[in-house]
Each structure stands twice: as structure tokens, then as C-alpha cells.
Amino acid sequence: MARGISGHTVMLLTGVVIGILVFVGLLSLHAAFLIPPPGAAPPSDYTNLIRTLGWTAVVSMDLAVSLTVMLAWVVGAARSDVPDASRRGIFIFATVFLAIWIIVGSPFPIFGRFL
């Protein structure tokens, strides 16, 4: 490591970067299905309301998932006095939580719609 940057700092910054990338990735995945297709009929008030509610749900839930993954990564990397098994458990939780959210919240029919 370079002098002045410890492994601890790198792990914390990695957690923040992972959280940001997860949020951007999930948001773009879900946004692709909230944008109307070209040549669609002009939206009505009802359609605008549903689209607004959809955007609100997508942004808030994707932000919550990315913050959970980021927080798990930061907590797992921050404490050096925590046993390795506990730290691995936190990292596994973050990975499984994200994978389940992608499957459950996926707009693709290959995964099915669980909600």
C-alpha cells in the first residue's frame, strides 16, 4: 500500500463505491421499464401518476438496497476486532440480500414476478 493509505481506508472506500455502483445499476435496470416506448400514446393523468409512483418506489427501494450493501461492507471492513467468521457473515448477507432483491424486483420474466 502507498504510505498514508491503509488497507482499512481502502476497504471503506471500496464499500462506498460498491454502494454507489449498486444504486446506479439497479436504478438504470428498473428505469428502463418505466420510460415509455417511442411512439407511445401521450400519457394521461393516471399514467403520469402511476409513473411517478413507480419512480418513487424504484428510487427509494434501490437506494435502500444499495445503502444496506454499502453499510454491510463498511461495517464488515471497519472493525478489525470482529472475528473473521462474523465479517464473512456480514459480506455474505450483503451479497445474498442484493441477489434476492435483483431476482424478486426484476422486471424480466425469466426470473418471474414474486411481488
PDB file of N, CA and C in Angstrom:
ATOM      1  N   MET A   1       0.825  -1.189   0.000  1.00  0.00           N
ATOM      2  CA  MET A   1       0.000   0.000   0.000  1.00  0.00           C
ATOM      3  C   MET A   1       0.872   1.257   0.000  1.00  0.00           C
ATOM      4  N   ALA A   2       0.353   2.284  -0.533  1.00  0.00           N
ATOM      5  CA  ALA A   2       1.075   3.548  -0.529  1.00  0.00           C
ATOM      6  C   ALA A   2       1.074   4.123   0.886  1.00  0.00           C
ATOM      7  N   ARG A   3       2.080   4.864   1.185  1.00  0.00           N
ATOM      8  CA  ARG A   3       2.161   5.464   2.508  1.00  0.00           C
ATOM      9  C   ARG A   3       1.019   6.472   2.671  1.00  0.00           C
ATOM     10  N   GLY A   4       0.308   6.384   3.761  1.00  0.00           N
ATOM     11  CA  GLY A   4      -0.800   7.298   4.024  1.00  0.00           C
ATOM     12  C   GLY A   4      -2.161   6.676   3.736  1.00  0.00           C
ATOM     13  N   ILE A   5      -2.224   5.635   2.928  1.00  0.00           N
ATOM     14  CA  ILE A   5      -3.492   4.960   2.652  1.00  0.00           C
ATOM     15  C   ILE A   5      -3.394   3.553   3.221  1.00  0.00           C
ATOM     16  N   SER A   6      -4.171   3.305   4.245  1.00  0.00           N
ATOM     17  CA  SER A   6      -4.126   1.985   4.871  1.00  0.00           C
ATOM     18  C   SER A   6      -5.119   1.052   4.186  1.00  0.00           C
ATOM     19  N   GLY A   7      -4.950  -0.228   4.449  1.00  0.00           N
ATOM     20  CA  GLY A   7      -5.887  -1.214   3.910  1.00  0.00           C
ATOM     21  C   GLY A   7      -7.290  -0.998   4.430  1.00  0.00           C
ATOM     22  N   HIS A   8      -7.378  -0.511   5.648  1.00  0.00           N
ATOM     23  CA  HIS A   8      -8.676  -0.213   6.259  1.00  0.00           C
ATOM     24  C   HIS A   8      -9.405   0.875   5.478  1.00  0.00           C
ATOM     25  N   THR A   9      -8.691   1.930   5.116  1.00  0.00           N
ATOM     26  CA  THR A   9      -9.292   3.027   4.350  1.00  0.00           C
ATOM     27  C   THR A   9      -9.718   2.558   2.971  1.00  0.00           C
ATOM     28  N   VAL A  10      -8.905   1.725   2.351  1.00  0.00           N
ATOM     29  CA  VAL A  10      -9.242   1.211   1.026  1.00  0.00           C
ATOM     30  C   VAL A  10     -10.522   0.373   1.094  1.00  0.00           C
ATOM     31  N   MET A  11     -10.667  -0.449   2.117  1.00  0.00           N
ATOM     32  CA  MET A  11     -11.877  -1.266   2.269  1.00  0.00           C
ATOM     33  C   MET A  11     -13.108  -0.383   2.474  1.00  0.00           C
ATOM     34  N   LEU A  12     -12.972   0.679   3.271  1.00  0.00           N
ATOM     35  CA  LEU A  12     -14.108   1.572   3.498  1.00  0.00           C
ATOM     36  C   LEU A  12     -14.501   2.288   2.206  1.00  0.00           C
ATOM     37  N   LEU A  13     -13.517   2.765   1.476  1.00  0.00           N
ATOM     38  CA  LEU A  13     -13.823   3.431   0.208  1.00  0.00           C
ATOM     39  C   LEU A  13     -14.398   2.454  -0.806  1.00  0.00           C
ATOM     40  N   THR A  14     -13.935   1.218  -0.785  1.00  0.00           N
ATOM     41  CA  THR A  14     -14.491   0.200  -1.666  1.00  0.00           C
ATOM     42  C   THR A  14     -15.962  -0.028  -1.355  1.00  0.00           C
ATOM     43  N   GLY A  15     -16.313  -0.046  -0.073  1.00  0.00           N
ATOM     44  CA  GLY A  15     -17.712  -0.208   0.311  1.00  0.00           C
ATOM     45  C   GLY A  15     -18.581   0.926  -0.193  1.00  0.00           C
ATOM     46  N   VAL A  16     -18.080   2.148  -0.112  1.00  0.00           N
ATOM     47  CA  VAL A  16     -18.842   3.301  -0.604  1.00  0.00           C
ATOM     48  C   VAL A  16     -19.004   3.224  -2.120  1.00  0.00           C
ATOM     49  N   VAL A  17     -17.933   2.885  -2.827  1.00  0.00           N
ATOM     50  CA  VAL A  17     -18.004   2.780  -4.291  1.00  0.00           C
ATOM     51  C   VAL A  17     -18.966   1.670  -4.700  1.00  0.00           C
ATOM     52  N   ILE A  18     -18.910   0.534  -4.008  1.00  0.00           N
ATOM     53  CA  ILE A  18     -19.842  -0.565  -4.317  1.00  0.00           C
ATOM     54  C   ILE A  18     -21.286  -0.119  -4.102  1.00  0.00           C
ATOM     55  N   GLY A  19     -21.549   0.581  -3.010  1.00  0.00           N
ATOM     56  CA  GLY A  19     -22.909   1.070  -2.766  1.00  0.00           C
ATOM     57  C   GLY A  19     -23.400   2.009  -3.855  1.00  0.00           C
ATOM     58  N   ILE A  20     -22.548   2.907  -4.297  1.00  0.00           N
ATOM     59  CA  ILE A  20     -22.931   3.845  -5.360  1.00  0.00           C
ATOM     60  C   ILE A  20     -23.175   3.098  -6.667  1.00  0.00           C
ATOM     61  N   LEU A  21     -22.290   2.170  -7.002  1.00  0.00           N
ATOM     62  CA  LEU A  21     -22.457   1.424  -8.246  1.00  0.00           C
ATOM     63  C   LEU A  21     -23.700   0.537  -8.221  1.00  0.00           C
ATOM     64  N   VAL A  22     -23.994  -0.060  -7.079  1.00  0.00           N
ATOM     65  CA  VAL A  22     -25.213  -0.876  -6.968  1.00  0.00           C
ATOM     66  C   VAL A  22     -26.441   0.001  -7.171  1.00  0.00           C
ATOM     67  N   PHE A  23     -26.467   1.180  -6.557  1.00  0.00           N
ATOM     68  CA  PHE A  23     -27.615   2.074  -6.713  1.00  0.00           C
ATOM     69  C   PHE A  23     -27.797   2.495  -8.165  1.00  0.00           C
ATOM     70  N   VAL A  24     -26.726   2.904  -8.806  1.00  0.00           N
ATOM     71  CA  VAL A  24     -26.819   3.350 -10.209  1.00  0.00           C
ATOM     72  C   VAL A  24     -27.243   2.193 -11.112  1.00  0.00           C
ATOM     73  N   GLY A  25     -26.680   1.017 -10.870  1.00  0.00           N
ATOM     74  CA  GLY A  25     -27.031  -0.144 -11.694  1.00  0.00           C
ATOM     75  C   GLY A  25     -28.477  -0.565 -11.527  1.00  0.00           C
ATOM     76  N   LEU A  26     -28.940  -0.630 -10.274  1.00  0.00           N
ATOM     77  CA  LEU A  26     -30.334  -1.015 -10.044  1.00  0.00           C
ATOM     78  C   LEU A  26     -31.291   0.034 -10.583  1.00  0.00           C
ATOM     79  N   LEU A  27     -30.949   1.296 -10.407  1.00  0.00           N
ATOM     80  CA  LEU A  27     -31.816   2.359 -10.905  1.00  0.00           C
ATOM     81  C   LEU A  27     -31.925   2.320 -12.425  1.00  0.00           C
ATOM     82  N   SER A  28     -30.821   2.106 -13.102  1.00  0.00           N
ATOM     83  CA  SER A  28     -30.891   2.052 -14.567  1.00  0.00           C
ATOM     84  C   SER A  28     -31.617   0.796 -15.037  1.00  0.00           C
ATOM     85  N   LEU A  29     -31.472  -0.321 -14.302  1.00  0.00           N
ATOM     86  CA  LEU A  29     -32.198  -1.538 -14.654  1.00  0.00           C
ATOM     87  C   LEU A  29     -33.702  -1.313 -14.567  1.00  0.00           C
ATOM     88  N   HIS A  30     -34.145  -0.721 -13.480  1.00  0.00           N
ATOM     89  CA  HIS A  30     -35.581  -0.509 -13.310  1.00  0.00           C
ATOM     90  C   HIS A  30     -36.098   0.667 -14.143  1.00  0.00           C
ATOM     91  N   ALA A  31     -35.271   1.672 -14.363  1.00  0.00           N
ATOM     92  CA  ALA A  31     -35.713   2.835 -15.136  1.00  0.00           C
ATOM     93  C   ALA A  31     -36.003   2.480 -16.582  1.00  0.00           C
ATOM     94  N   ALA A  32     -35.321   1.484 -17.092  1.00  0.00           N
ATOM     95  CA  ALA A  32     -35.550   1.088 -18.485  1.00  0.00           C
ATOM     96  C   ALA A  32     -36.985   0.636 -18.715  1.00  0.00           C
ATOM     97  N   PHE A  33     -37.652   0.199 -17.668  1.00  0.00           N
ATOM     98  CA  PHE A  33     -39.023  -0.275 -17.812  1.00  0.00           C
ATOM     99  C   PHE A  33     -40.060   0.757 -17.391  1.00  0.00           C
ATOM    100  N   LEU A  34     -39.622   1.906 -16.891  1.00  0.00           N
ATOM    101  CA  LEU A  34     -40.549   2.979 -16.544  1.00  0.00           C
ATOM    102  C   LEU A  34     -40.603   4.070 -17.604  1.00  0.00           C
ATOM    103  N   ILE A  35     -39.658   4.060 -18.519  1.00  0.00           N
ATOM    104  CA  ILE A  35     -39.640   5.050 -19.595  1.00  0.00           C
ATOM    105  C   ILE A  35     -40.562   4.551 -20.700  1.00  0.00           C
ATOM    106  N   PRO A  36     -41.470   5.397 -21.179  1.00  0.00           N
ATOM    107  CA  PRO A  36     -42.402   4.934 -22.214  1.00  0.00           C
ATOM    108  C   PRO A  36     -41.666   4.636 -23.522  1.00  0.00           C
ATOM    109  N   PRO A  37     -42.162   3.651 -24.262  1.00  0.00           N
ATOM    110  CA  PRO A  37     -41.521   3.323 -25.539  1.00  0.00           C
ATOM    111  C   PRO A  37     -41.759   4.421 -26.565  1.00  0.00           C
ATOM    112  N   PRO A  38     -40.904   4.513 -27.560  1.00  0.00           N
ATOM    113  CA  PRO A  38     -41.110   5.518 -28.610  1.00  0.00           C
ATOM    114  C   PRO A  38     -42.418   5.252 -29.349  1.00  0.00           C
ATOM    115  N   GLY A  39     -43.110   6.308 -29.664  1.00  0.00           N
ATOM    116  CA  GLY A  39     -44.361   6.189 -30.404  1.00  0.00           C
ATOM    117  C   GLY A  39     -45.549   5.825 -29.530  1.00  0.00           C
ATOM    118  N   ALA A  40     -45.376   5.821 -28.212  1.00  0.00           N
ATOM    119  CA  ALA A  40     -46.487   5.502 -27.317  1.00  0.00           C
ATOM    120  C   ALA A  40     -47.476   6.660 -27.300  1.00  0.00           C
ATOM    121  N   ALA A  41     -48.693   6.354 -26.927  1.00  0.00           N
ATOM    122  CA  ALA A  41     -49.732   7.381 -26.840  1.00  0.00           C
ATOM    123  C   ALA A  41     -49.343   8.402 -25.767  1.00  0.00           C
ATOM    124  N   PRO A  42     -49.797   9.642 -25.923  1.00  0.00           N
ATOM    125  CA  PRO A  42     -49.492  10.648 -24.896  1.00  0.00           C
ATOM    126  C   PRO A  42     -50.055  10.196 -23.547  1.00  0.00           C
ATOM    127  N   PRO A  43     -49.290  10.393 -22.478  1.00  0.00           N
ATOM    128  CA  PRO A  43     -49.738   9.903 -21.169  1.00  0.00           C
ATOM    129  C   PRO A  43     -50.920  10.698 -20.632  1.00  0.00           C
ATOM    130  N   SER A  44     -51.785   9.999 -19.949  1.00  0.00           N
ATOM    131  CA  SER A  44     -52.914  10.643 -19.278  1.00  0.00           C
ATOM    132  C   SER A  44     -52.480  10.997 -17.855  1.00  0.00           C
ATOM    133  N   ASP A  45     -53.383  11.648 -17.128  1.00  0.00           N
ATOM    134  CA  ASP A  45     -53.079  11.976 -15.733  1.00  0.00           C
ATOM    135  C   ASP A  45     -52.851  10.706 -14.914  1.00  0.00           C
ATOM    136  N   TYR A  46     -53.643   9.700 -15.176  1.00  0.00           N
ATOM    137  CA  TYR A  46     -53.498   8.436 -14.458  1.00  0.00           C
ATOM    138  C   TYR A  46     -52.143   7.793 -14.752  1.00  0.00           C
ATOM    139  N   THR A  47     -51.752   7.780 -16.018  1.00  0.00           N
ATOM    140  CA  THR A  47     -50.467   7.209 -16.403  1.00  0.00           C
ATOM    141  C   THR A  47     -49.319   7.977 -15.759  1.00  0.00           C
ATOM    142  N   ASN A  48     -49.431   9.298 -15.716  1.00  0.00           N
ATOM    143  CA  ASN A  48     -48.398  10.102 -15.071  1.00  0.00           C
ATOM    144  C   ASN A  48     -48.308   9.803 -13.577  1.00  0.00           C
ATOM    145  N   LEU A  49     -49.455   9.609 -12.932  1.00  0.00           N
ATOM    146  CA  LEU A  49     -49.469   9.281 -11.513  1.00  0.00           C
ATOM    147  C   LEU A  49     -48.809   7.931 -11.258  1.00  0.00           C
ATOM    148  N   ILE A  50     -49.164   6.943 -12.057  1.00  0.00           N
ATOM    149  CA  ILE A  50     -48.577   5.613 -11.896  1.00  0.00           C
ATOM    150  C   ILE A  50     -47.076   5.653 -12.165  1.00  0.00           C
ATOM    151  N   ARG A  51     -46.665   6.391 -13.171  1.00  0.00           N
ATOM    152  CA  ARG A  51     -45.237   6.504 -13.473  1.00  0.00           C
ATOM    153  C   ARG A  51     -44.494   7.220 -12.345  1.00  0.00           C
ATOM    154  N   THR A  52     -45.093   8.246 -11.772  1.00  0.00           N
ATOM    155  CA  THR A  52     -44.474   8.947 -10.641  1.00  0.00           C
ATOM    156  C   THR A  52     -44.345   8.031  -9.432  1.00  0.00           C
ATOM    157  N   LEU A  53     -45.389   7.280  -9.134  1.00  0.00           N
ATOM    158  CA  LEU A  53     -45.319   6.326  -8.030  1.00  0.00           C
ATOM    159  C   LEU A  53     -44.280   5.243  -8.299  1.00  0.00           C
ATOM    160  N   GLY A  54     -44.194   4.799  -9.528  1.00  0.00           N
ATOM    161  CA  GLY A  54     -43.185   3.808  -9.895  1.00  0.00           C
ATOM    162  C   GLY A  54     -41.774   4.335  -9.700  1.00  0.00           C
ATOM    163  N   TRP A  55     -41.523   5.570 -10.149  1.00  0.00           N
ATOM    164  CA  TRP A  55     -40.202   6.168  -9.962  1.00  0.00           C
ATOM    165  C   TRP A  55     -39.874   6.327  -8.480  1.00  0.00           C
ATOM    166  N   THR A  56     -40.856   6.743  -7.697  1.00  0.00           N
ATOM    167  CA  THR A  56     -40.630   6.902  -6.258  1.00  0.00           C
ATOM    168  C   THR A  56     -40.272   5.570  -5.622  1.00  0.00           C
ATOM    169  N   ALA A  57     -40.996   4.532  -5.968  1.00  0.00           N
ATOM    170  CA  ALA A  57     -40.714   3.212  -5.417  1.00  0.00           C
ATOM    171  C   ALA A  57     -39.346   2.702  -5.860  1.00  0.00           C
ATOM    172  N   VAL A  58     -39.036   2.867  -7.131  1.00  0.00           N
ATOM    173  CA  VAL A  58     -37.757   2.377  -7.653  1.00  0.00           C
ATOM    174  C   VAL A  58     -36.590   3.090  -6.976  1.00  0.00           C
ATOM    175  N   VAL A  59     -36.656   4.397  -6.897  1.00  0.00           N
ATOM    176  CA  VAL A  59     -35.542   5.151  -6.316  1.00  0.00           C
ATOM    177  C   VAL A  59     -35.383   4.820  -4.834  1.00  0.00           C
ATOM    178  N   SER A  60     -36.476   4.800  -4.092  1.00  0.00           N
ATOM    179  CA  SER A  60     -36.362   4.557  -2.652  1.00  0.00           C
ATOM    180  C   SER A  60     -35.920   3.126  -2.339  1.00  0.00           C
ATOM    181  N   MET A  61     -36.460   2.142  -3.018  1.00  0.00           N
ATOM    182  CA  MET A  61     -36.085   0.759  -2.731  1.00  0.00           C
ATOM    183  C   MET A  61     -34.670   0.449  -3.217  1.00  0.00           C
ATOM    184  N   ASP A  62     -34.295   0.946  -4.390  1.00  0.00           N
ATOM    185  CA  ASP A  62     -32.935   0.708  -4.866  1.00  0.00           C
ATOM    186  C   ASP A  62     -31.919   1.424  -3.983  1.00  0.00           C
ATOM    187  N   LEU A  63     -32.263   2.603  -3.487  1.00  0.00           N
ATOM    188  CA  LEU A  63     -31.374   3.309  -2.570  1.00  0.00           C
ATOM    189  C   LEU A  63     -31.241   2.537  -1.255  1.00  0.00           C
ATOM    190  N   ALA A  64     -32.349   1.995  -0.762  1.00  0.00           N
ATOM    191  CA  ALA A  64     -32.301   1.218   0.476  1.00  0.00           C
ATOM    192  C   ALA A  64     -31.435  -0.033   0.313  1.00  0.00           C
ATOM    193  N   VAL A  65     -31.574  -0.715  -0.797  1.00  0.00           N
ATOM    194  CA  VAL A  65     -30.763  -1.916  -1.037  1.00  0.00           C
ATOM    195  C   VAL A  65     -29.288  -1.543  -1.157  1.00  0.00           C
ATOM    196  N   SER A  66     -28.982  -0.506  -1.904  1.00  0.00           N
ATOM    197  CA  SER A  66     -27.571  -0.138  -2.071  1.00  0.00           C
ATOM    198  C   SER A  66     -26.968   0.362  -0.767  1.00  0.00           C
ATOM    199  N   LEU A  67     -27.738   1.085   0.043  1.00  0.00           N
ATOM    200  CA  LEU A  67     -27.219   1.516   1.336  1.00  0.00           C
ATOM    201  C   LEU A  67     -27.011   0.338   2.283  1.00  0.00           C
ATOM    202  N   THR A  68     -27.880  -0.664   2.205  1.00  0.00           N
ATOM    203  CA  THR A  68     -27.706  -1.860   3.026  1.00  0.00           C
ATOM    204  C   THR A  68     -26.437  -2.600   2.644  1.00  0.00           C
ATOM    205  N   VAL A  69     -26.207  -2.764   1.364  1.00  0.00           N
ATOM    206  CA  VAL A  69     -24.990  -3.431   0.899  1.00  0.00           C
ATOM    207  C   VAL A  69     -23.759  -2.616   1.288  1.00  0.00           C
ATOM    208  N   MET A  70     -23.829  -1.304   1.101  1.00  0.00           N
ATOM    209  CA  MET A  70     -22.699  -0.447   1.441  1.00  0.00           C
ATOM    210  C   MET A  70     -22.430  -0.479   2.945  1.00  0.00           C
ATOM    211  N   LEU A  71     -23.473  -0.401   3.753  1.00  0.00           N
ATOM    212  CA  LEU A  71     -23.298  -0.415   5.199  1.00  0.00           C
ATOM    213  C   LEU A  71     -22.741  -1.750   5.673  1.00  0.00           C
ATOM    214  N   ALA A  72     -23.208  -2.839   5.111  1.00  0.00           N
ATOM    215  CA  ALA A  72     -22.675  -4.151   5.478  1.00  0.00           C
ATOM    216  C   ALA A  72     -21.196  -4.245   5.123  1.00  0.00           C
ATOM    217  N   TRP A  73     -20.828  -3.724   3.968  1.00  0.00           N
ATOM    218  CA  TRP A  73     -19.426  -3.760   3.557  1.00  0.00           C
ATOM    219  C   TRP A  73     -18.573  -2.893   4.491  1.00  0.00           C
ATOM    220  N   VAL A  74     -19.047  -1.699   4.802  1.00  0.00           N
ATOM    221  CA  VAL A  74     -18.286  -0.789   5.657  1.00  0.00           C
ATOM    222  C   VAL A  74     -18.164  -1.348   7.071  1.00  0.00           C
ATOM    223  N   VAL A  75     -19.249  -1.881   7.622  1.00  0.00           N
ATOM    224  CA  VAL A  75     -19.199  -2.451   8.967  1.00  0.00           C
ATOM    225  C   VAL A  75     -18.301  -3.680   8.989  1.00  0.00           C
ATOM    226  N   GLY A  76     -18.387  -4.505   7.971  1.00  0.00           N
ATOM    227  CA  GLY A  76     -17.535  -5.681   7.909  1.00  0.00           C
ATOM    228  C   GLY A  76     -16.070  -5.337   7.774  1.00  0.00           C
ATOM    229  N   ALA A  77     -15.765  -4.230   7.131  1.00  0.00           N
ATOM    230  CA  ALA A  77     -14.373  -3.847   6.925  1.00  0.00           C
ATOM    231  C   ALA A  77     -13.852  -2.926   8.023  1.00  0.00           C
ATOM    232  N   ALA A  78     -14.733  -2.283   8.753  1.00  0.00           N
ATOM    233  CA  ALA A  78     -14.309  -1.258   9.700  1.00  0.00           C
ATOM    234  C   ALA A  78     -13.732  -1.823  10.989  1.00  0.00           C
ATOM    235  N   ARG A  79     -14.279  -2.877  11.476  1.00  0.00           N
ATOM    236  CA  ARG A  79     -13.884  -3.392  12.778  1.00  0.00           C
ATOM    237  C   ARG A  79     -12.862  -4.504  12.624  1.00  0.00           C
ATOM    238  N   SER A  80     -11.659  -4.257  13.066  1.00  0.00           N
ATOM    239  CA  SER A  80     -10.635  -5.291  12.981  1.00  0.00           C
ATOM    240  C   SER A  80     -10.718  -6.263  14.154  1.00  0.00           C
ATOM    241  N   ASP A  81     -11.429  -5.891  15.223  1.00  0.00           N
ATOM    242  CA  ASP A  81     -11.534  -6.769  16.379  1.00  0.00           C
ATOM    243  C   ASP A  81     -12.663  -7.792  16.243  1.00  0.00           C
ATOM    244  N   VAL A  82     -13.440  -7.702  15.182  1.00  0.00           N
ATOM    245  CA  VAL A  82     -14.517  -8.655  14.933  1.00  0.00           C
ATOM    246  C   VAL A  82     -13.907  -9.921  14.331  1.00  0.00           C
ATOM    247  N   PRO A  83     -14.320 -11.100  14.797  1.00  0.00           N
ATOM    248  CA  PRO A  83     -13.767 -12.336  14.230  1.00  0.00           C
ATOM    249  C   PRO A  83     -14.042 -12.439  12.725  1.00  0.00           C
ATOM    250  N   ASP A  84     -13.157 -13.161  12.045  1.00  0.00           N
ATOM    251  CA  ASP A  84     -13.288 -13.304  10.590  1.00  0.00           C
ATOM    252  C   ASP A  84     -14.589 -13.963  10.185  1.00  0.00           C
ATOM    253  N   ALA A  85     -15.072 -14.912  10.978  1.00  0.00           N
ATOM    254  CA  ALA A  85     -16.329 -15.585  10.638  1.00  0.00           C
ATOM    255  C   ALA A  85     -17.492 -14.595  10.640  1.00  0.00           C
ATOM    256  N   SER A  86     -17.504 -13.682  11.586  1.00  0.00           N
ATOM    257  CA  SER A  86     -18.571 -12.669  11.632  1.00  0.00           C
ATOM    258  C   SER A  86     -18.468 -11.718  10.458  1.00  0.00           C
ATOM    259  N   ARG A  87     -17.262 -11.334  10.113  1.00  0.00           N
ATOM    260  CA  ARG A  87     -17.074 -10.431   8.969  1.00  0.00           C
ATOM    261  C   ARG A  87     -17.501 -11.100   7.671  1.00  0.00           C
ATOM    262  N   ARG A  88     -17.143 -12.372   7.504  1.00  0.00           N
ATOM    263  CA  ARG A  88     -17.589 -13.099   6.302  1.00  0.00           C
ATOM    264  C   ARG A  88     -19.103 -13.206   6.272  1.00  0.00           C
ATOM    265  N   GLY A  89     -19.713 -13.407   7.435  1.00  0.00           N
ATOM    266  CA  GLY A  89     -21.173 -13.473   7.503  1.00  0.00           C
ATOM    267  C   GLY A  89     -21.825 -12.176   7.053  1.00  0.00           C
ATOM    268  N   ILE A  90     -21.239 -11.046   7.434  1.00  0.00           N
ATOM    269  CA  ILE A  90     -21.778  -9.746   7.013  1.00  0.00           C
ATOM    270  C   ILE A  90     -21.643  -9.592   5.496  1.00  0.00           C
ATOM    271  N   PHE A  91     -20.500  -9.981   4.941  1.00  0.00           N
ATOM    272  CA  PHE A  91     -20.304  -9.876   3.489  1.00  0.00           C
ATOM    273  C   PHE A  91     -21.255 -10.817   2.741  1.00  0.00           C
ATOM    274  N   ILE A  92     -21.455 -12.012   3.270  1.00  0.00           N
ATOM    275  CA  ILE A  92     -22.379 -12.961   2.634  1.00  0.00           C
ATOM    276  C   ILE A  92     -23.804 -12.421   2.690  1.00  0.00           C
ATOM    277  N   PHE A  93     -24.187 -11.807   3.824  1.00  0.00           N
ATOM    278  CA  PHE A  93     -25.515 -11.200   3.925  1.00  0.00           C
ATOM    279  C   PHE A  93     -25.705 -10.152   2.834  1.00  0.00           C
ATOM    280  N   ALA A  94     -24.716  -9.288   2.653  1.00  0.00           N
ATOM    281  CA  ALA A  94     -24.837  -8.230   1.645  1.00  0.00           C
ATOM    282  C   ALA A  94     -24.987  -8.824   0.252  1.00  0.00           C
ATOM    283  N   THR A  95     -24.240  -9.865  -0.042  1.00  0.00           N
ATOM    284  CA  THR A  95     -24.302 -10.492  -1.361  1.00  0.00           C
ATOM    285  C   THR A  95     -25.646 -11.176  -1.592  1.00  0.00           C
ATOM    286  N   VAL A  96     -26.099 -11.939  -0.609  1.00  0.00           N
ATOM    287  CA  VAL A  96     -27.370 -12.661  -0.747  1.00  0.00           C
ATOM    288  C   VAL A  96     -28.537 -11.679  -0.800  1.00  0.00           C
ATOM    289  N   PHE A  97     -28.490 -10.633   0.012  1.00  0.00           N
ATOM    290  CA  PHE A  97     -29.556  -9.630   0.018  1.00  0.00           C
ATOM    291  C   PHE A  97     -29.681  -8.973  -1.350  1.00  0.00           C
ATOM    292  N   LEU A  98     -28.555  -8.613  -1.945  1.00  0.00           N
ATOM    293  CA  LEU A  98     -28.578  -7.996  -3.268  1.00  0.00           C
ATOM    294  C   LEU A  98     -29.077  -8.970  -4.327  1.00  0.00           C
ATOM    295  N   ALA A  99     -28.623 -10.208  -4.280  1.00  0.00           N
ATOM    296  CA  ALA A  99     -29.057 -11.203  -5.266  1.00  0.00           C
ATOM    297  C   ALA A  99     -30.554 -11.458  -5.176  1.00  0.00           C
ATOM    298  N   ILE A 100     -31.075 -11.566  -3.972  1.00  0.00           N
ATOM    299  CA  ILE A 100     -32.520 -11.786  -3.807  1.00  0.00           C
ATOM    300  C   ILE A 100     -33.301 -10.578  -4.295  1.00  0.00           C
ATOM    301  N   TRP A 101     -32.806  -9.372  -4.027  1.00  0.00           N
ATOM    302  CA  TRP A 101     -33.509  -8.178  -4.484  1.00  0.00           C
ATOM    303  C   TRP A 101     -33.530  -8.115  -6.012  1.00  0.00           C
ATOM    304  N   ILE A 102     -32.443  -8.489  -6.662  1.00  0.00           N
ATOM    305  CA  ILE A 102     -32.414  -8.466  -8.128  1.00  0.00           C
ATOM    306  C   ILE A 102     -33.403  -9.488  -8.687  1.00  0.00           C
ATOM    307  N   ILE A 103     -33.488 -10.655  -8.072  1.00  0.00           N
ATOM    308  CA  ILE A 103     -34.415 -11.683  -8.564  1.00  0.00           C
ATOM    309  C   ILE A 103     -35.860 -11.285  -8.296  1.00  0.00           C
ATOM    310  N   VAL A 104     -36.157 -10.839  -7.087  1.00  0.00           N
ATOM    311  CA  VAL A 104     -37.542 -10.506  -6.733  1.00  0.00           C
ATOM    312  C   VAL A 104     -38.007  -9.237  -7.437  1.00  0.00           C
ATOM    313  N   GLY A 105     -37.145  -8.238  -7.510  1.00  0.00           N
ATOM    314  CA  GLY A 105     -37.535  -6.966  -8.104  1.00  0.00           C
ATOM    315  C   GLY A 105     -37.263  -6.862  -9.581  1.00  0.00           C
ATOM    316  N   SER A 106     -36.886  -7.963 -10.196  1.00  0.00           N
ATOM    317  CA  SER A 106     -36.522  -7.915 -11.605  1.00  0.00           C
ATOM    318  C   SER A 106     -37.748  -7.771 -12.502  1.00  0.00           C
ATOM    319  N   PRO A 107     -37.651  -6.905 -13.484  1.00  0.00           N
ATOM    320  CA  PRO A 107     -38.747  -6.777 -14.441  1.00  0.00           C
ATOM    321  C   PRO A 107     -38.696  -7.841 -15.538  1.00  0.00           C
ATOM    322  N   PHE A 108     -37.648  -8.666 -15.556  1.00  0.00           N
ATOM    323  CA  PHE A 108     -37.519  -9.664 -16.598  1.00  0.00           C
ATOM    324  C   PHE A 108     -38.374 -10.885 -16.281  1.00  0.00           C
ATOM    325  N   PRO A 109     -39.119 -11.405 -17.241  1.00  0.00           N
ATOM    326  CA  PRO A 109     -39.991 -12.547 -16.967  1.00  0.00           C
ATOM    327  C   PRO A 109     -39.225 -13.841 -16.710  1.00  0.00           C
ATOM    328  N   ILE A 110     -37.934 -13.882 -17.070  1.00  0.00           N
ATOM    329  CA  ILE A 110     -37.182 -15.112 -16.865  1.00  0.00           C
ATOM    330  C   ILE A 110     -37.056 -15.432 -15.366  1.00  0.00           C
ATOM    331  N   PHE A 111     -37.041 -14.400 -14.514  1.00  0.00           N
ATOM    332  CA  PHE A 111     -36.942 -14.612 -13.087  1.00  0.00           C
ATOM    333  C   PHE A 111     -38.314 -14.801 -12.445  1.00  0.00           C
ATOM    334  N   GLY A 112     -39.343 -14.386 -13.127  1.00  0.00           N
ATOM    335  CA  GLY A 112     -40.685 -14.467 -12.561  1.00  0.00           C
ATOM    336  C   GLY A 112     -40.972 -13.233 -11.718  1.00  0.00           C
ATOM    337  N   ARG A 113     -42.220 -13.080 -11.412  1.00  0.00           N
ATOM    338  CA  ARG A 113     -42.639 -11.937 -10.584  1.00  0.00           C
ATOM    339  C   ARG A 113     -43.120 -12.480  -9.259  1.00  0.00           C
ATOM    340  N   PHE A 114     -42.348 -12.247  -8.219  1.00  0.00           N
ATOM    341  CA  PHE A 114     -42.695 -12.736  -6.900  1.00  0.00           C
ATOM    342  C   PHE A 114     -43.503 -11.717  -6.109  1.00  0.00           C
ATOM    343  N   LEU A 115     -43.433 -10.457  -6.493  1.00  0.00           N
ATOM    344  CA  LEU A 115     -44.185  -9.417  -5.769  1.00  0.00           C
ATOM    345  C   LEU A 115     -45.302  -8.895  -6.622  1.00  0.00           C
TER     346      LEU A 115
END
